[in-house]
């Protein structure tokens, strides 16, 4: 693979510094900032639900420098395909977003003004205060807030993983430009999670409320693909599902692979199925440790506790398929999977 980006004059572009390991830091600037016109360009297309995709049929594209994911999520909620965000979920998402924004501003060169920092700190405090009020009112805030923080951390980890791969592919280069065909290639090869086939069904996560569990869910009797955790969710989803997604089928859709959240729901017990994740960021020190992304974008650590402290074939960009996995909580507060010697017989590296 060739040079990922052209060097830029750091003084004329606002960049963010990233630690890529080994005491090395690199600076990143964006190729271009998308305008409203870019987002509404005729090259974009809208599906029957109203979701927007770029000319490459992506909702997130480095070449077009657009990210329609949040907008498309709101469209799915407004049409009734997905359950609408609750007040607590909204406050948690905004709180997590401001935490990430403040971390990013600390690394910006040049740094934002004092006023911008204060404004974002005020946003953070306001949303935290709202979450505290909701908790006092009886809302179970902590797991919702943690999930929102995990989501923002995953997005931040994506960028860190991109920077690590760019640095490895371009030794000695310290300034990179994000956006364009080359960074899209790097994202697809090293950072993008495994894709779940559209024709397959998710057996353990509700199509409407997206709650993950351990019991096989009931399928829609018409399309035999959508899955629901309760009759309430199926009834709520039915008008939009019937209009936009439900295509009558006589064949039961094959099941999708497991996600990190589904494996975690088993609370340390063996999960029946196959977890498929991509190793996106190398965090190895005394043993192999990788951040690994599942098909829905969730990242967790996989650590090798094997005899050789490594898993043969595991490297950045590799896909791990683990039959009947188990979830693990590490002592440093992170979580994911602790791979023992006896687990290797159930693991395939692609």
C-alpha atoms as a PDB file:
ATOM      1  CA  UNK A   1       0.000   0.000   0.000  1.00  0.00           C
ATOM      2  CA  UNK A   2       1.363   3.439  -0.898  1.00  0.00           C
ATOM      3  CA  UNK A   3       1.648   6.583   1.105  1.00  0.00           C
ATOM      4  CA  UNK A   4      -1.617   7.119   2.908  1.00  0.00           C
ATOM      5  CA  UNK A   5      -1.688  10.915   2.750  1.00  0.00           C
ATOM      6  CA  UNK A   6       0.209  14.026   1.792  1.00  0.00           C
ATOM      7  CA  UNK A   7       2.059  15.955   4.459  1.00  0.00           C
ATOM      8  CA  UNK A   8       0.434  19.192   5.521  1.00  0.00           C
ATOM      9  CA  UNK A   9       1.749  22.401   7.007  1.00  0.00           C
ATOM     10  CA  UNK A  10       0.795  21.982  10.663  1.00  0.00           C
ATOM     11  CA  UNK A  11       0.669  25.725  11.154  1.00  0.00           C
ATOM     12  CA  UNK A  12      -2.111  26.172   8.602  1.00  0.00           C
ATOM     13  CA  UNK A  13      -4.319  23.212   9.547  1.00  0.00           C
ATOM     14  CA  UNK A  14      -5.950  22.360  12.842  1.00  0.00           C
ATOM     15  CA  UNK A  15      -4.835  18.865  13.745  1.00  0.00           C
ATOM     16  CA  UNK A  16      -5.126  16.384  16.586  1.00  0.00           C
ATOM     17  CA  UNK A  17      -2.161  14.525  18.030  1.00  0.00           C
ATOM     18  CA  UNK A  18      -2.371  10.750  18.589  1.00  0.00           C
ATOM     19  CA  UNK A  19      -0.151   8.406  20.562  1.00  0.00           C
ATOM     20  CA  UNK A  20       0.501   5.408  18.289  1.00  0.00           C
ATOM     21  CA  UNK A  21       2.676   3.472  20.718  1.00  0.00           C
ATOM     22  CA  UNK A  22       6.401   3.211  21.285  1.00  0.00           C
ATOM     23  CA  UNK A  23       6.536   6.818  22.457  1.00  0.00           C
ATOM     24  CA  UNK A  24       5.556   8.035  18.959  1.00  0.00           C
ATOM     25  CA  UNK A  25       2.965  10.732  18.257  1.00  0.00           C
ATOM     26  CA  UNK A  26       1.468  11.734  14.934  1.00  0.00           C
ATOM     27  CA  UNK A  27      -0.676  14.673  13.897  1.00  0.00           C
ATOM     28  CA  UNK A  28      -3.847  14.352  11.824  1.00  0.00           C
ATOM     29  CA  UNK A  29      -5.832  16.893   9.833  1.00  0.00           C
ATOM     30  CA  UNK A  30      -9.047  16.337   7.890  1.00  0.00           C
ATOM     31  CA  UNK A  31      -8.915  16.416   4.110  1.00  0.00           C
ATOM     32  CA  UNK A  32     -11.976  18.616   4.027  1.00  0.00           C
ATOM     33  CA  UNK A  33     -14.881  19.615   6.204  1.00  0.00           C
ATOM     34  CA  UNK A  34     -18.169  18.494   4.618  1.00  0.00           C
ATOM     35  CA  UNK A  35     -20.687  21.256   4.008  1.00  0.00           C
ATOM     36  CA  UNK A  36     -24.482  21.071   4.055  1.00  0.00           C
ATOM     37  CA  UNK A  37     -24.289  20.962   0.263  1.00  0.00           C
ATOM     38  CA  UNK A  38     -22.012  17.901   0.453  1.00  0.00           C
ATOM     39  CA  UNK A  39     -24.499  16.098   2.698  1.00  0.00           C
ATOM     40  CA  UNK A  40     -27.414  16.977   0.401  1.00  0.00           C
ATOM     41  CA  UNK A  41     -25.483  16.343  -2.803  1.00  0.00           C
ATOM     42  CA  UNK A  42     -27.306  14.638  -5.674  1.00  0.00           C
ATOM     43  CA  UNK A  43     -24.560  12.016  -5.521  1.00  0.00           C
ATOM     44  CA  UNK A  44     -26.063  10.884  -2.223  1.00  0.00           C
ATOM     45  CA  UNK A  45     -29.116   8.670  -2.379  1.00  0.00           C
ATOM     46  CA  UNK A  46     -32.000   8.007  -0.004  1.00  0.00           C
ATOM     47  CA  UNK A  47     -33.555   4.586   0.537  1.00  0.00           C
ATOM     48  CA  UNK A  48     -37.258   3.798   0.992  1.00  0.00           C
ATOM     49  CA  UNK A  49     -37.061   4.493   4.731  1.00  0.00           C
ATOM     50  CA  UNK A  50     -35.420   7.893   4.218  1.00  0.00           C
ATOM     51  CA  UNK A  51     -31.893   6.937   5.272  1.00  0.00           C
ATOM     52  CA  UNK A  52     -29.089   8.691   3.429  1.00  0.00           C
ATOM     53  CA  UNK A  53     -26.062   7.051   1.801  1.00  0.00           C
ATOM     54  CA  UNK A  54     -23.200   8.447  -0.254  1.00  0.00           C
ATOM     55  CA  UNK A  55     -22.458   7.632  -3.887  1.00  0.00           C
ATOM     56  CA  UNK A  56     -20.454   4.609  -2.674  1.00  0.00           C
ATOM     57  CA  UNK A  57     -23.535   3.312  -0.813  1.00  0.00           C
ATOM     58  CA  UNK A  58     -21.963   3.996   2.585  1.00  0.00           C
ATOM     59  CA  UNK A  59     -23.427   5.825   5.568  1.00  0.00           C
ATOM     60  CA  UNK A  60     -19.847   6.554   6.705  1.00  0.00           C
ATOM     61  CA  UNK A  61     -17.329   7.316   3.970  1.00  0.00           C
ATOM     62  CA  UNK A  62     -13.739   8.568   4.053  1.00  0.00           C
ATOM     63  CA  UNK A  63     -13.771   9.360   0.333  1.00  0.00           C
ATOM     64  CA  UNK A  64     -16.863  11.578   0.516  1.00  0.00           C
ATOM     65  CA  UNK A  65     -15.990  12.794   4.035  1.00  0.00           C
ATOM     66  CA  UNK A  66     -19.553  12.232   5.262  1.00  0.00           C
ATOM     67  CA  UNK A  67     -21.043  10.467   8.271  1.00  0.00           C
ATOM     68  CA  UNK A  68     -24.799   9.858   8.036  1.00  0.00           C
ATOM     69  CA  UNK A  69     -24.952   7.324  10.885  1.00  0.00           C
ATOM     70  CA  UNK A  70     -26.504   9.502  13.580  1.00  0.00           C
ATOM     71  CA  UNK A  71     -28.932  11.111  11.131  1.00  0.00           C
ATOM     72  CA  UNK A  72     -29.979   7.688   9.829  1.00  0.00           C
ATOM     73  CA  UNK A  73     -30.489   6.490  13.392  1.00  0.00           C
ATOM     74  CA  UNK A  74     -32.882   9.372  14.055  1.00  0.00           C
ATOM     75  CA  UNK A  75     -34.741   8.553  10.838  1.00  0.00           C
ATOM     76  CA  UNK A  76     -35.159   4.910  11.939  1.00  0.00           C
ATOM     77  CA  UNK A  77     -36.527   6.120  15.281  1.00  0.00           C
ATOM     78  CA  UNK A  78     -38.892   8.644  13.691  1.00  0.00           C
ATOM     79  CA  UNK A  79     -40.294   6.078  11.253  1.00  0.00           C
ATOM     80  CA  UNK A  80     -40.805   3.560  14.074  1.00  0.00           C
ATOM     81  CA  UNK A  81     -38.304   0.926  12.910  1.00  0.00           C
ATOM     82  CA  UNK A  82     -36.266   1.460  16.084  1.00  0.00           C
ATOM     83  CA  UNK A  83     -37.420   2.419  19.560  1.00  0.00           C
ATOM     84  CA  UNK A  84     -37.037   6.129  20.245  1.00  0.00           C
ATOM     85  CA  UNK A  85     -34.273   7.297  22.519  1.00  0.00           C
ATOM     86  CA  UNK A  86     -35.495   7.939  26.070  1.00  0.00           C
ATOM     87  CA  UNK A  87     -34.767  11.134  27.985  1.00  0.00           C
ATOM     88  CA  UNK A  88     -32.115   9.287  29.994  1.00  0.00           C
ATOM     89  CA  UNK A  89     -30.501   7.813  26.879  1.00  0.00           C
ATOM     90  CA  UNK A  90     -30.402  11.228  25.231  1.00  0.00           C
ATOM     91  CA  UNK A  91     -28.788  12.880  28.261  1.00  0.00           C
ATOM     92  CA  UNK A  92     -26.270  10.032  28.553  1.00  0.00           C
ATOM     93  CA  UNK A  93     -25.367  10.262  24.857  1.00  0.00           C
ATOM     94  CA  UNK A  94     -24.859  14.019  25.039  1.00  0.00           C
ATOM     95  CA  UNK A  95     -22.820  13.707  28.241  1.00  0.00           C
ATOM     96  CA  UNK A  96     -20.570  11.075  26.632  1.00  0.00           C
ATOM     97  CA  UNK A  97     -20.225  13.235  23.509  1.00  0.00           C
ATOM     98  CA  UNK A  98     -19.052  16.245  25.517  1.00  0.00           C
ATOM     99  CA  UNK A  99     -16.522  14.114  27.412  1.00  0.00           C
ATOM    100  CA  UNK A 100     -15.062  12.947  24.103  1.00  0.00           C
ATOM    101  CA  UNK A 101     -15.111  16.479  22.664  1.00  0.00           C
ATOM    102  CA  UNK A 102     -13.154  17.803  25.626  1.00  0.00           C
ATOM    103  CA  UNK A 103     -10.555  15.040  25.279  1.00  0.00           C
ATOM    104  CA  UNK A 104     -10.199  15.848  21.589  1.00  0.00           C
ATOM    105  CA  UNK A 105      -9.799  19.587  22.213  1.00  0.00           C
ATOM    106  CA  UNK A 106      -6.951  18.896  24.632  1.00  0.00           C
ATOM    107  CA  UNK A 107      -4.997  17.384  21.717  1.00  0.00           C
ATOM    108  CA  UNK A 108      -5.852  20.010  19.084  1.00  0.00           C
ATOM    109  CA  UNK A 109      -3.115  22.165  17.560  1.00  0.00           C
ATOM    110  CA  UNK A 110      -3.732  25.051  17.839  1.00  0.00           C
ATOM    111  CA  UNK A 111      -5.885  24.611  20.952  1.00  0.00           C
ATOM    112  CA  UNK A 112      -9.438  26.011  20.941  1.00  0.00           C
ATOM    113  CA  UNK A 113     -10.088  29.234  22.813  1.00  0.00           C
ATOM    114  CA  UNK A 114     -10.748  29.377  26.538  1.00  0.00           C
ATOM    115  CA  UNK A 115     -14.359  30.298  25.782  1.00  0.00           C
ATOM    116  CA  UNK A 116     -14.882  27.137  23.702  1.00  0.00           C
ATOM    117  CA  UNK A 117     -13.443  25.002  26.491  1.00  0.00           C
ATOM    118  CA  UNK A 118     -15.683  26.650  29.081  1.00  0.00           C
ATOM    119  CA  UNK A 119     -18.757  26.243  26.894  1.00  0.00           C
ATOM    120  CA  UNK A 120     -18.123  22.516  26.469  1.00  0.00           C
ATOM    121  CA  UNK A 121     -17.390  22.070  30.178  1.00  0.00           C
ATOM    122  CA  UNK A 122     -20.713  23.744  30.918  1.00  0.00           C
ATOM    123  CA  UNK A 123     -22.484  21.371  28.501  1.00  0.00           C
ATOM    124  CA  UNK A 124     -20.820  18.441  30.261  1.00  0.00           C
ATOM    125  CA  UNK A 125     -21.875  19.662  33.702  1.00  0.00           C
ATOM    126  CA  UNK A 126     -25.445  20.372  32.577  1.00  0.00           C
ATOM    127  CA  UNK A 127     -25.945  16.871  31.175  1.00  0.00           C
ATOM    128  CA  UNK A 128     -24.328  15.290  34.242  1.00  0.00           C
ATOM    129  CA  UNK A 129     -26.648  17.281  36.482  1.00  0.00           C
ATOM    130  CA  UNK A 130     -29.629  16.086  34.454  1.00  0.00           C
ATOM    131  CA  UNK A 131     -28.497  12.460  34.760  1.00  0.00           C
ATOM    132  CA  UNK A 132     -28.134  12.904  38.518  1.00  0.00           C
ATOM    133  CA  UNK A 133     -31.693  14.251  38.732  1.00  0.00           C
ATOM    134  CA  UNK A 134     -33.003  11.309  36.713  1.00  0.00           C
ATOM    135  CA  UNK A 135     -31.135   8.894  38.994  1.00  0.00           C
ATOM    136  CA  UNK A 136     -32.703  10.498  42.083  1.00  0.00           C
ATOM    137  CA  UNK A 137     -36.100  10.120  40.410  1.00  0.00           C
ATOM    138  CA  UNK A 138     -35.558   6.351  40.199  1.00  0.00           C
ATOM    139  CA  UNK A 139     -34.078   5.913  36.714  1.00  0.00           C
ATOM    140  CA  UNK A 140     -31.395   3.225  36.358  1.00  0.00           C
ATOM    141  CA  UNK A 141     -28.886   5.684  34.923  1.00  0.00           C
ATOM    142  CA  UNK A 142     -25.532   3.942  35.414  1.00  0.00           C
ATOM    143  CA  UNK A 143     -25.777   1.167  32.756  1.00  0.00           C
ATOM    144  CA  UNK A 144     -27.272   3.589  30.234  1.00  0.00           C
ATOM    145  CA  UNK A 145     -24.508   6.115  30.844  1.00  0.00           C
ATOM    146  CA  UNK A 146     -21.823   3.443  30.627  1.00  0.00           C
ATOM    147  CA  UNK A 147     -23.182   2.193  27.306  1.00  0.00           C
ATOM    148  CA  UNK A 148     -23.140   5.750  25.908  1.00  0.00           C
ATOM    149  CA  UNK A 149     -19.560   6.269  27.094  1.00  0.00           C
ATOM    150  CA  UNK A 150     -18.545   2.917  25.593  1.00  0.00           C
ATOM    151  CA  UNK A 151     -20.041   3.987  22.254  1.00  0.00           C
ATOM    152  CA  UNK A 152     -18.087   7.252  22.229  1.00  0.00           C
ATOM    153  CA  UNK A 153     -14.931   5.423  23.313  1.00  0.00           C
ATOM    154  CA  UNK A 154     -15.406   3.008  20.412  1.00  0.00           C
ATOM    155  CA  UNK A 155     -15.595   5.884  17.933  1.00  0.00           C
ATOM    156  CA  UNK A 156     -12.446   7.407  19.453  1.00  0.00           C
ATOM    157  CA  UNK A 157     -10.725   4.023  19.318  1.00  0.00           C
ATOM    158  CA  UNK A 158     -11.532   3.810  15.595  1.00  0.00           C
ATOM    159  CA  UNK A 159      -9.519   6.971  15.026  1.00  0.00           C
ATOM    160  CA  UNK A 160      -6.634   5.738  17.184  1.00  0.00           C
ATOM    161  CA  UNK A 161      -6.616   2.448  15.257  1.00  0.00           C
ATOM    162  CA  UNK A 162      -6.566   4.342  11.951  1.00  0.00           C
ATOM    163  CA  UNK A 163      -3.591   6.376  13.121  1.00  0.00           C
ATOM    164  CA  UNK A 164      -1.700   3.290  14.256  1.00  0.00           C
ATOM    165  CA  UNK A 165      -2.198   1.599  10.879  1.00  0.00           C
ATOM    166  CA  UNK A 166      -1.244   4.757   8.962  1.00  0.00           C
ATOM    167  CA  UNK A 167       1.918   5.070  11.047  1.00  0.00           C
ATOM    168  CA  UNK A 168       2.910   1.433  10.497  1.00  0.00           C
ATOM    169  CA  UNK A 169       2.321   1.691   6.734  1.00  0.00           C
ATOM    170  CA  UNK A 170       4.281   4.970   6.486  1.00  0.00           C
ATOM    171  CA  UNK A 171       7.344   4.707   8.784  1.00  0.00           C
ATOM    172  CA  UNK A 172       8.791   8.056   9.783  1.00  0.00           C
ATOM    173  CA  UNK A 173       5.822  10.113   8.627  1.00  0.00           C
ATOM    174  CA  UNK A 174       4.341  12.183  11.455  1.00  0.00           C
ATOM    175  CA  UNK A 175       1.600  14.188   9.712  1.00  0.00           C
ATOM    176  CA  UNK A 176      -1.407  12.656   7.969  1.00  0.00           C
ATOM    177  CA  UNK A 177      -4.546  13.847   6.273  1.00  0.00           C
ATOM    178  CA  UNK A 178      -7.777  12.028   7.089  1.00  0.00           C
ATOM    179  CA  UNK A 179     -10.116  11.502   4.164  1.00  0.00           C
ATOM    180  CA  UNK A 180      -9.813  10.231   0.616  1.00  0.00           C
ATOM    181  CA  UNK A 181      -9.410   6.891  -1.100  1.00  0.00           C
ATOM    182  CA  UNK A 182      -6.262   5.832   0.742  1.00  0.00           C
ATOM    183  CA  UNK A 183      -7.669   6.320   4.220  1.00  0.00           C
ATOM    184  CA  UNK A 184     -10.843   4.493   3.099  1.00  0.00           C
ATOM    185  CA  UNK A 185      -8.687   1.519   2.059  1.00  0.00           C
ATOM    186  CA  UNK A 186      -6.961   1.523   5.427  1.00  0.00           C
ATOM    187  CA  UNK A 187     -10.288   1.755   7.250  1.00  0.00           C
ATOM    188  CA  UNK A 188     -11.780  -1.133   5.248  1.00  0.00           C
ATOM    189  CA  UNK A 189      -8.751  -3.386   5.666  1.00  0.00           C
ATOM    190  CA  UNK A 190      -7.728  -2.698   9.255  1.00  0.00           C
ATOM    191  CA  UNK A 191     -10.538  -0.959  11.178  1.00  0.00           C
ATOM    192  CA  UNK A 192     -13.967  -1.768   9.777  1.00  0.00           C
ATOM    193  CA  UNK A 193     -15.714  -4.509  11.748  1.00  0.00           C
ATOM    194  CA  UNK A 194     -16.975  -7.799  10.256  1.00  0.00           C
ATOM    195  CA  UNK A 195     -20.135  -7.309   8.251  1.00  0.00           C
ATOM    196  CA  UNK A 196     -23.283  -9.205   9.177  1.00  0.00           C
ATOM    197  CA  UNK A 197     -25.107 -10.475   6.119  1.00  0.00           C
ATOM    198  CA  UNK A 198     -28.324  -8.554   5.433  1.00  0.00           C
ATOM    199  CA  UNK A 199     -30.194 -11.803   4.755  1.00  0.00           C
ATOM    200  CA  UNK A 200     -29.445 -13.161   8.232  1.00  0.00           C
ATOM    201  CA  UNK A 201     -31.322 -12.717  11.500  1.00  0.00           C
ATOM    202  CA  UNK A 202     -30.096 -11.693  14.936  1.00  0.00           C
ATOM    203  CA  UNK A 203     -31.227 -14.358  17.394  1.00  0.00           C
ATOM    204  CA  UNK A 204     -30.309 -12.553  20.605  1.00  0.00           C
ATOM    205  CA  UNK A 205     -30.816  -8.794  20.082  1.00  0.00           C
ATOM    206  CA  UNK A 206     -34.264  -7.261  19.671  1.00  0.00           C
ATOM    207  CA  UNK A 207     -34.789  -5.603  16.283  1.00  0.00           C
ATOM    208  CA  UNK A 208     -36.771  -2.796  17.938  1.00  0.00           C
ATOM    209  CA  UNK A 209     -35.338  -1.936  21.387  1.00  0.00           C
ATOM    210  CA  UNK A 210     -31.912  -3.499  20.647  1.00  0.00           C
ATOM    211  CA  UNK A 211     -31.653  -5.139  24.054  1.00  0.00           C
ATOM    212  CA  UNK A 212     -29.292  -8.135  23.993  1.00  0.00           C
ATOM    213  CA  UNK A 213     -30.054 -11.349  25.843  1.00  0.00           C
ATOM    214  CA  UNK A 214     -29.195 -15.025  26.145  1.00  0.00           C
ATOM    215  CA  UNK A 215     -32.460 -16.594  24.989  1.00  0.00           C
ATOM    216  CA  UNK A 216     -33.335 -17.112  21.310  1.00  0.00           C
ATOM    217  CA  UNK A 217     -35.911 -14.466  20.391  1.00  0.00           C
ATOM    218  CA  UNK A 218     -39.193 -14.900  18.554  1.00  0.00           C
ATOM    219  CA  UNK A 219     -39.043 -14.157  14.822  1.00  0.00           C
ATOM    220  CA  UNK A 220     -41.557 -12.268  12.715  1.00  0.00           C
ATOM    221  CA  UNK A 221     -43.792 -15.021  11.288  1.00  0.00           C
ATOM    222  CA  UNK A 222     -44.009 -13.224   7.932  1.00  0.00           C
ATOM    223  CA  UNK A 223     -40.400 -12.338   7.026  1.00  0.00           C
ATOM    224  CA  UNK A 224     -38.822 -14.841   9.460  1.00  0.00           C
ATOM    225  CA  UNK A 225     -35.930 -12.418   9.956  1.00  0.00           C
ATOM    226  CA  UNK A 226     -36.809  -9.653  12.450  1.00  0.00           C
ATOM    227  CA  UNK A 227     -36.523 -10.763  16.089  1.00  0.00           C
ATOM    228  CA  UNK A 228     -38.295  -9.369  19.145  1.00  0.00           C
ATOM    229  CA  UNK A 229     -37.759  -9.701  22.886  1.00  0.00           C
ATOM    230  CA  UNK A 230     -41.440  -9.199  23.727  1.00  0.00           C
ATOM    231  CA  UNK A 231     -44.875  -8.869  22.228  1.00  0.00           C
ATOM    232  CA  UNK A 232     -44.827  -5.187  23.221  1.00  0.00           C
ATOM    233  CA  UNK A 233     -41.765  -4.543  21.031  1.00  0.00           C
ATOM    234  CA  UNK A 234     -43.211  -6.495  18.108  1.00  0.00           C
ATOM    235  CA  UNK A 235     -46.536  -4.611  18.264  1.00  0.00           C
ATOM    236  CA  UNK A 236     -44.772  -1.240  18.526  1.00  0.00           C
ATOM    237  CA  UNK A 237     -42.492  -2.048  15.573  1.00  0.00           C
ATOM    238  CA  UNK A 238     -45.097  -3.675  13.335  1.00  0.00           C
ATOM    239  CA  UNK A 239     -46.500  -0.627  11.413  1.00  0.00           C
ATOM    240  CA  UNK A 240     -43.033   0.547  10.306  1.00  0.00           C
ATOM    241  CA  UNK A 241     -41.655  -2.977   9.914  1.00  0.00           C
ATOM    242  CA  UNK A 242     -44.578  -3.994   7.685  1.00  0.00           C
ATOM    243  CA  UNK A 243     -44.264  -0.865   5.538  1.00  0.00           C
ATOM    244  CA  UNK A 244     -40.476  -0.715   5.159  1.00  0.00           C
ATOM    245  CA  UNK A 245     -38.816  -4.054   5.846  1.00  0.00           C
ATOM    246  CA  UNK A 246     -41.104  -7.068   6.036  1.00  0.00           C
ATOM    247  CA  UNK A 247     -40.852  -9.234   2.918  1.00  0.00           C
ATOM    248  CA  UNK A 248     -42.797 -12.480   3.119  1.00  0.00           C
ATOM    249  CA  UNK A 249     -40.586 -15.558   3.173  1.00  0.00           C
ATOM    250  CA  UNK A 250     -41.105 -19.288   3.570  1.00  0.00           C
ATOM    251  CA  UNK A 251     -37.507 -19.870   4.637  1.00  0.00           C
ATOM    252  CA  UNK A 252     -36.199 -19.176   8.144  1.00  0.00           C
ATOM    253  CA  UNK A 253     -33.264 -16.734   7.904  1.00  0.00           C
ATOM    254  CA  UNK A 254     -29.911 -18.074   9.065  1.00  0.00           C
ATOM    255  CA  UNK A 255     -28.609 -16.590  12.312  1.00  0.00           C
ATOM    256  CA  UNK A 256     -25.951 -13.910  12.605  1.00  0.00           C
ATOM    257  CA  UNK A 257     -22.787 -14.367  14.629  1.00  0.00           C
ATOM    258  CA  UNK A 258     -22.589 -13.204  18.240  1.00  0.00           C
ATOM    259  CA  UNK A 259     -21.723  -9.676  19.349  1.00  0.00           C
ATOM    260  CA  UNK A 260     -19.689  -8.623  22.392  1.00  0.00           C
ATOM    261  CA  UNK A 261     -22.854  -7.468  24.123  1.00  0.00           C
ATOM    262  CA  UNK A 262     -24.538 -10.823  23.572  1.00  0.00           C
ATOM    263  CA  UNK A 263     -21.522 -12.706  24.944  1.00  0.00           C
ATOM    264  CA  UNK A 264     -21.385 -10.382  27.960  1.00  0.00           C
ATOM    265  CA  UNK A 265     -25.060 -11.066  28.671  1.00  0.00           C
ATOM    266  CA  UNK A 266     -24.057 -14.656  29.587  1.00  0.00           C
ATOM    267  CA  UNK A 267     -22.203 -13.237  32.624  1.00  0.00           C
ATOM    268  CA  UNK A 268     -19.029 -15.262  32.227  1.00  0.00           C
ATOM    269  CA  UNK A 269     -20.736 -18.460  31.143  1.00  0.00           C
ATOM    270  CA  UNK A 270     -20.177 -20.002  27.711  1.00  0.00           C
ATOM    271  CA  UNK A 271     -22.246 -18.382  24.949  1.00  0.00           C
ATOM    272  CA  UNK A 272     -23.573 -20.754  22.296  1.00  0.00           C
ATOM    273  CA  UNK A 273     -22.615 -19.519  18.853  1.00  0.00           C
ATOM    274  CA  UNK A 274     -19.639 -17.903  17.152  1.00  0.00           C
ATOM    275  CA  UNK A 275     -18.182 -14.513  18.010  1.00  0.00           C
ATOM    276  CA  UNK A 276     -16.596 -12.881  14.969  1.00  0.00           C
ATOM    277  CA  UNK A 277     -14.442  -9.791  15.537  1.00  0.00           C
ATOM    278  CA  UNK A 278     -11.670  -7.873  13.767  1.00  0.00           C
ATOM    279  CA  UNK A 279      -8.397  -6.995  15.517  1.00  0.00           C
ATOM    280  CA  UNK A 280      -8.139  -3.254  14.910  1.00  0.00           C
ATOM    281  CA  UNK A 281      -5.492  -1.986  17.367  1.00  0.00           C
ATOM    282  CA  UNK A 282      -2.421  -3.673  18.816  1.00  0.00           C
ATOM    283  CA  UNK A 283      -1.970  -2.988  22.542  1.00  0.00           C
ATOM    284  CA  UNK A 284       0.502  -5.809  23.195  1.00  0.00           C
ATOM    285  CA  UNK A 285       3.233  -5.533  25.815  1.00  0.00           C
ATOM    286  CA  UNK A 286       4.230  -8.661  27.729  1.00  0.00           C
ATOM    287  CA  UNK A 287       1.490 -10.651  25.974  1.00  0.00           C
ATOM    288  CA  UNK A 288      -0.663 -10.202  22.850  1.00  0.00           C
ATOM    289  CA  UNK A 289      -3.535  -7.817  23.472  1.00  0.00           C
ATOM    290  CA  UNK A 290      -5.743  -6.417  20.716  1.00  0.00           C
ATOM    291  CA  UNK A 291      -8.779  -4.189  20.618  1.00  0.00           C
ATOM    292  CA  UNK A 292     -11.309  -6.160  18.569  1.00  0.00           C
ATOM    293  CA  UNK A 293     -14.461  -4.841  16.874  1.00  0.00           C
ATOM    294  CA  UNK A 294     -17.669  -6.835  16.328  1.00  0.00           C
ATOM    295  CA  UNK A 295     -20.254  -6.482  13.547  1.00  0.00           C
ATOM    296  CA  UNK A 296     -22.160  -3.683  15.334  1.00  0.00           C
ATOM    297  CA  UNK A 297     -19.038  -1.598  16.022  1.00  0.00           C
ATOM    298  CA  UNK A 298     -18.463  -2.507  19.680  1.00  0.00           C
ATOM    299  CA  UNK A 299     -14.809  -2.905  20.686  1.00  0.00           C
ATOM    300  CA  UNK A 300     -13.439  -5.034  23.500  1.00  0.00           C
ATOM    301  CA  UNK A 301     -10.009  -6.463  24.351  1.00  0.00           C
ATOM    302  CA  UNK A 302      -8.783  -9.932  23.513  1.00  0.00           C
ATOM    303  CA  UNK A 303      -5.754 -10.960  25.576  1.00  0.00           C
ATOM    304  CA  UNK A 304      -3.658 -14.087  25.012  1.00  0.00           C
ATOM    305  CA  UNK A 305      -3.158 -16.076  28.223  1.00  0.00           C
ATOM    306  CA  UNK A 306      -1.764 -19.009  26.258  1.00  0.00           C
ATOM    307  CA  UNK A 307       1.556 -20.749  26.874  1.00  0.00           C
ATOM    308  CA  UNK A 308       3.345 -18.547  24.364  1.00  0.00           C
ATOM    309  CA  UNK A 309       1.340 -15.446  25.367  1.00  0.00           C
ATOM    310  CA  UNK A 310       0.170 -15.067  21.788  1.00  0.00           C
ATOM    311  CA  UNK A 311      -2.340 -16.421  19.281  1.00  0.00           C
ATOM    312  CA  UNK A 312      -0.770 -17.656  16.064  1.00  0.00           C
ATOM    313  CA  UNK A 313      -1.799 -15.552  13.066  1.00  0.00           C
ATOM    314  CA  UNK A 314      -3.314 -12.736  15.125  1.00  0.00           C
ATOM    315  CA  UNK A 315      -2.375  -9.294  13.773  1.00  0.00           C
ATOM    316  CA  UNK A 316      -4.003  -5.972  12.987  1.00  0.00           C
ATOM    317  CA  UNK A 317      -6.730  -6.471  10.379  1.00  0.00           C
ATOM    318  CA  UNK A 318      -7.141 -10.197  11.126  1.00  0.00           C
ATOM    319  CA  UNK A 319     -10.599 -11.608  11.829  1.00  0.00           C
ATOM    320  CA  UNK A 320     -11.064 -13.872  14.861  1.00  0.00           C
ATOM    321  CA  UNK A 321     -13.828 -16.468  14.886  1.00  0.00           C
ATOM    322  CA  UNK A 322     -14.372 -18.009  18.306  1.00  0.00           C
ATOM    323  CA  UNK A 323     -16.912 -20.780  18.752  1.00  0.00           C
ATOM    324  CA  UNK A 324     -18.687 -20.824  22.135  1.00  0.00           C
ATOM    325  CA  UNK A 325     -16.849 -17.801  23.633  1.00  0.00           C
ATOM    326  CA  UNK A 326     -16.805 -16.500  27.202  1.00  0.00           C
ATOM    327  CA  UNK A 327     -16.687 -12.908  28.438  1.00  0.00           C
ATOM    328  CA  UNK A 328     -14.042 -11.688  30.864  1.00  0.00           C
ATOM    329  CA  UNK A 329     -13.543  -8.611  33.060  1.00  0.00           C
ATOM    330  CA  UNK A 330      -9.908  -7.604  33.484  1.00  0.00           C
ATOM    331  CA  UNK A 331      -8.439  -6.157  36.681  1.00  0.00           C
ATOM    332  CA  UNK A 332      -7.705  -2.790  34.999  1.00  0.00           C
ATOM    333  CA  UNK A 333     -11.437  -2.227  34.430  1.00  0.00           C
ATOM    334  CA  UNK A 334     -11.460  -3.190  30.736  1.00  0.00           C
ATOM    335  CA  UNK A 335     -13.371  -6.195  29.416  1.00  0.00           C
ATOM    336  CA  UNK A 336     -13.545  -8.648  26.533  1.00  0.00           C
ATOM    337  CA  UNK A 337     -12.007 -12.113  26.322  1.00  0.00           C
ATOM    338  CA  UNK A 338      -9.165 -13.919  28.058  1.00  0.00           C
ATOM    339  CA  UNK A 339      -7.943 -16.595  25.664  1.00  0.00           C
ATOM    340  CA  UNK A 340      -6.568 -19.670  27.430  1.00  0.00           C
ATOM    341  CA  UNK A 341      -4.600 -22.505  25.817  1.00  0.00           C
ATOM    342  CA  UNK A 342      -7.681 -24.766  25.776  1.00  0.00           C
ATOM    343  CA  UNK A 343      -9.681 -22.094  23.873  1.00  0.00           C
ATOM    344  CA  UNK A 344      -7.390 -22.224  20.832  1.00  0.00           C
ATOM    345  CA  UNK A 345      -9.086 -25.345  19.433  1.00  0.00           C
ATOM    346  CA  UNK A 346     -12.282 -23.275  19.021  1.00  0.00           C
ATOM    347  CA  UNK A 347     -10.569 -20.260  17.434  1.00  0.00           C
ATOM    348  CA  UNK A 348      -9.917 -19.574  13.760  1.00  0.00           C
ATOM    349  CA  UNK A 349      -7.870 -16.601  12.539  1.00  0.00           C
ATOM    350  CA  UNK A 350      -8.634 -15.352   9.033  1.00  0.00           C
END
